[in-house]
Each structure stands twice: as structure tokens, then as C-alpha cells.
Amino acid sequence: MTHLVPLLVAMLGFTGCTLIDQRTFAPSPEAKPPSAPVVPATAIDARTPLLTIDYTVASPDYAELLHYAVRAAENRDPNVQYDVVAVLKDMSEATEGQEHATGVMRAIMRDRVPAGRIHLGLRSDPSLTANQVRVYVR
């Protein structure tokens, strides 16, 4: 009798279990295929720009501010690399964005920074109210 108690307890413990067979691993016929993963919205660039030039006006006056920012970056690291990125509301304005970024690149080159250390980029952000050129250092 004392041997039956542990056996009875063990049997009662397994009453909620199911046997493992092929149906255990096969998807049920009414199961829907997995949907594409939802990608959360991320910032265009997680870095903080050295300078952001906003084109709410046709020709913003950024030369002096850019000069001081470049000099400060160069004093900190004489081999610093610059990413000049035109950020557009719509990619249909890509030509205009390239012109703005190239103008900023030329202004940086006037501060005696070699063209090989300046990298141009073009991105879109539909949430912008006006096109921008952002200057990042790396």
C-alpha cells in the first residue's frame, strides 16, 4: 500500500500532460502565416550634427558659423572626417539637395580641409518642414 501512494501521486501529476506525436510539431491548418516584423521608426542618423543648415530661406547665411565649427573640430582632431548629408522632405528634390551639400562641402574645403576627408550623403525624411544639410564629424 505504501508503494501505491507515490505511484498514484505521479499518475495524477501527469493527467494534464499530452503525449508527444507528429501533431505536436505540425502547424494547425487554421494557423495563419507569420506576418512581416514591424520595424520601429528610427532616426535618420543617431549622431548629433556638428551643424544643421535649415533651408527655410533660399540662401541661408551659414558661412561664418560653419567656419567656427570646422575650426573647433580641426583643433580637436586634425584628421577628423566630415559627413555632409542633405536631408530632404522628398527625394524628388535630390538635385537641389546635392547642390546644397556640395556648397557646404566647398565651404569646408575653403577652411583647408582636404576633399578626401569630406563625405557627401543624401537622405529623405518626410517629417521635415524644410530641407536641411547636416554636418557630422567622425
Protein backbone atom coordinates (compact mmCIF):
# COMPACT_ATOMS: atom_id res chain seq x y z
CA MET A 1 0.00 0.00 0.00
CA THR A 2 2.80 2.41 0.80
CA HIS A 3 4.25 1.74 -2.65
CA LEU A 4 0.98 2.67 -4.35
CA VAL A 5 0.81 6.19 -2.89
CA PRO A 6 3.84 7.56 -4.79
CA LEU A 7 2.63 5.84 -7.96
CA LEU A 8 -0.82 7.35 -7.55
CA VAL A 9 0.65 10.84 -6.94
CA ALA A 10 2.86 10.51 -10.04
CA MET A 11 -0.07 9.44 -12.21
CA LEU A 12 -2.21 12.33 -11.00
CA GLY A 13 0.67 14.73 -11.77
CA PHE A 14 0.69 13.66 -15.42
CA THR A 15 -3.06 13.90 -16.04
CA GLY A 16 -2.74 17.38 -17.58
CA CYS A 17 0.06 16.32 -19.95
CA THR A 18 -0.42 15.31 -23.56
CA LEU A 19 1.52 12.74 -25.46
CA ILE A 20 4.07 13.95 -27.96
CA ASP A 21 3.43 12.90 -31.56
CA GLN A 22 3.59 14.42 -35.07
CA ARG A 23 0.68 16.76 -34.37
CA THR A 24 2.68 18.41 -31.59
CA PHE A 25 5.16 19.95 -34.04
CA ALA A 26 2.98 20.37 -37.13
CA PRO A 27 1.22 23.73 -37.50
CA SER A 28 -2.51 23.64 -37.21
CA PRO A 29 -4.39 24.05 -40.51
CA GLU A 30 -6.10 27.22 -39.32
CA ALA A 31 -2.81 28.84 -38.26
CA LYS A 32 -2.03 32.00 -40.18
CA PRO A 33 1.41 32.53 -41.66
CA PRO A 34 3.57 34.87 -39.62
CA SER A 35 3.33 38.49 -40.67
CA ALA A 36 6.33 40.62 -41.53
CA PRO A 37 8.05 42.01 -38.45
CA VAL A 38 7.16 45.56 -37.58
CA VAL A 39 10.22 47.77 -37.80
CA PRO A 40 10.05 50.70 -35.40
CA ALA A 41 10.65 54.15 -36.83
CA THR A 42 14.21 55.23 -36.20
CA ALA A 43 16.03 58.45 -36.51
CA ILE A 44 17.80 59.11 -39.79
CA ASP A 45 21.12 59.38 -38.03
CA ALA A 46 21.58 58.81 -34.32
CA ARG A 47 24.59 61.13 -34.20
CA THR A 48 24.29 64.74 -33.13
CA PRO A 49 25.24 67.01 -36.03
CA LEU A 50 28.08 69.48 -35.67
CA LEU A 51 25.91 71.92 -37.60
CA THR A 52 22.44 71.86 -39.18
CA ILE A 53 21.69 74.28 -42.01
CA ASP A 54 17.97 74.81 -42.48
CA TYR A 55 16.77 75.86 -45.94
CA THR A 56 13.54 77.59 -44.91
CA VAL A 57 15.06 80.56 -46.77
CA ALA A 58 16.60 80.16 -50.22
CA SER A 59 20.16 81.14 -49.25
CA PRO A 60 20.84 80.79 -45.52
CA ASP A 61 23.92 82.58 -44.20
CA TYR A 62 25.90 79.74 -42.66
CA ALA A 63 29.50 80.51 -43.74
CA GLU A 64 30.74 82.12 -40.51
CA LEU A 65 29.11 79.57 -38.20
CA LEU A 66 30.41 76.70 -40.35
CA HIS A 67 33.91 78.22 -40.28
CA TYR A 68 33.95 78.31 -36.46
CA ALA A 69 32.53 74.78 -36.20
CA VAL A 70 35.13 73.39 -38.63
CA ARG A 71 37.99 75.18 -36.85
CA ALA A 72 36.85 73.80 -33.49
CA ALA A 73 36.61 70.25 -34.91
CA GLU A 74 40.03 70.57 -36.57
CA ASN A 75 41.62 71.82 -33.33
CA ARG A 76 40.23 68.83 -31.51
CA ASP A 77 41.34 66.26 -34.14
CA PRO A 78 43.37 67.32 -37.20
CA ASN A 79 42.30 64.15 -39.09
CA VAL A 80 38.57 64.47 -38.45
CA GLN A 81 36.24 63.19 -41.17
CA TYR A 82 33.11 65.15 -42.15
CA ASP A 83 29.80 63.71 -43.33
CA VAL A 84 27.79 66.36 -45.19
CA VAL A 85 24.28 64.96 -45.55
CA ALA A 86 21.43 66.65 -47.41
CA VAL A 87 18.16 65.66 -45.72
CA LEU A 88 15.14 66.20 -47.95
CA LYS A 89 11.40 66.16 -47.47
CA ASP A 90 11.01 64.37 -50.77
CA MET A 91 13.57 62.62 -52.98
CA SER A 92 12.16 64.47 -56.00
CA GLU A 93 14.28 67.40 -54.73
CA ALA A 94 17.52 65.35 -54.89
CA THR A 95 19.24 67.66 -57.38
CA GLU A 96 18.65 70.67 -55.16
CA GLY A 97 19.84 68.72 -52.11
CA GLN A 98 23.03 67.70 -53.89
CA GLU A 99 23.71 71.33 -54.79
CA HIS A 100 23.23 72.44 -51.17
CA ALA A 101 25.51 69.67 -49.83
CA THR A 102 28.16 70.44 -52.45
CA GLY A 103 28.07 74.13 -51.46
CA VAL A 104 28.63 73.20 -47.82
CA MET A 105 31.47 70.86 -48.85
CA ARG A 106 33.15 73.70 -50.76
CA ALA A 107 32.83 75.98 -47.73
CA ILE A 108 34.52 73.34 -45.58
CA MET A 109 37.29 72.99 -48.19
CA ARG A 110 37.87 76.77 -48.00
CA ASP A 111 38.95 76.12 -44.42
CA ARG A 112 41.79 73.96 -45.82
CA VAL A 113 40.12 70.61 -45.23
CA PRO A 114 41.08 68.12 -47.98
CA ALA A 115 38.20 66.83 -50.11
CA GLY A 116 39.15 63.26 -49.17
CA ARG A 117 38.00 63.88 -45.59
CA ILE A 118 34.57 65.16 -46.63
CA HIS A 119 31.86 62.62 -47.49
CA LEU A 120 28.58 63.60 -49.15
CA GLY A 121 25.26 61.90 -48.49
CA LEU A 122 21.59 62.25 -49.36
CA ARG A 123 18.63 61.07 -47.29
CA SER A 124 14.92 61.73 -47.07
CA ASP A 125 12.75 62.48 -44.06
CA PRO A 126 9.09 63.21 -44.89
CA SER A 127 8.56 64.73 -41.42
CA LEU A 128 10.75 67.76 -42.22
CA THR A 129 9.19 71.15 -42.80
CA ALA A 130 12.18 72.35 -44.87
CA ASN A 131 15.20 70.71 -46.43
CA GLN A 132 18.40 70.65 -44.41
CA VAL A 133 22.11 69.97 -44.71
CA ARG A 134 23.61 68.34 -41.64
CA VAL A 135 27.33 68.22 -40.99
CA TYR A 136 28.52 65.32 -38.83
CA VAL A 137 32.04 64.52 -37.65
CA ARG A 138 33.50 61.06 -37.19
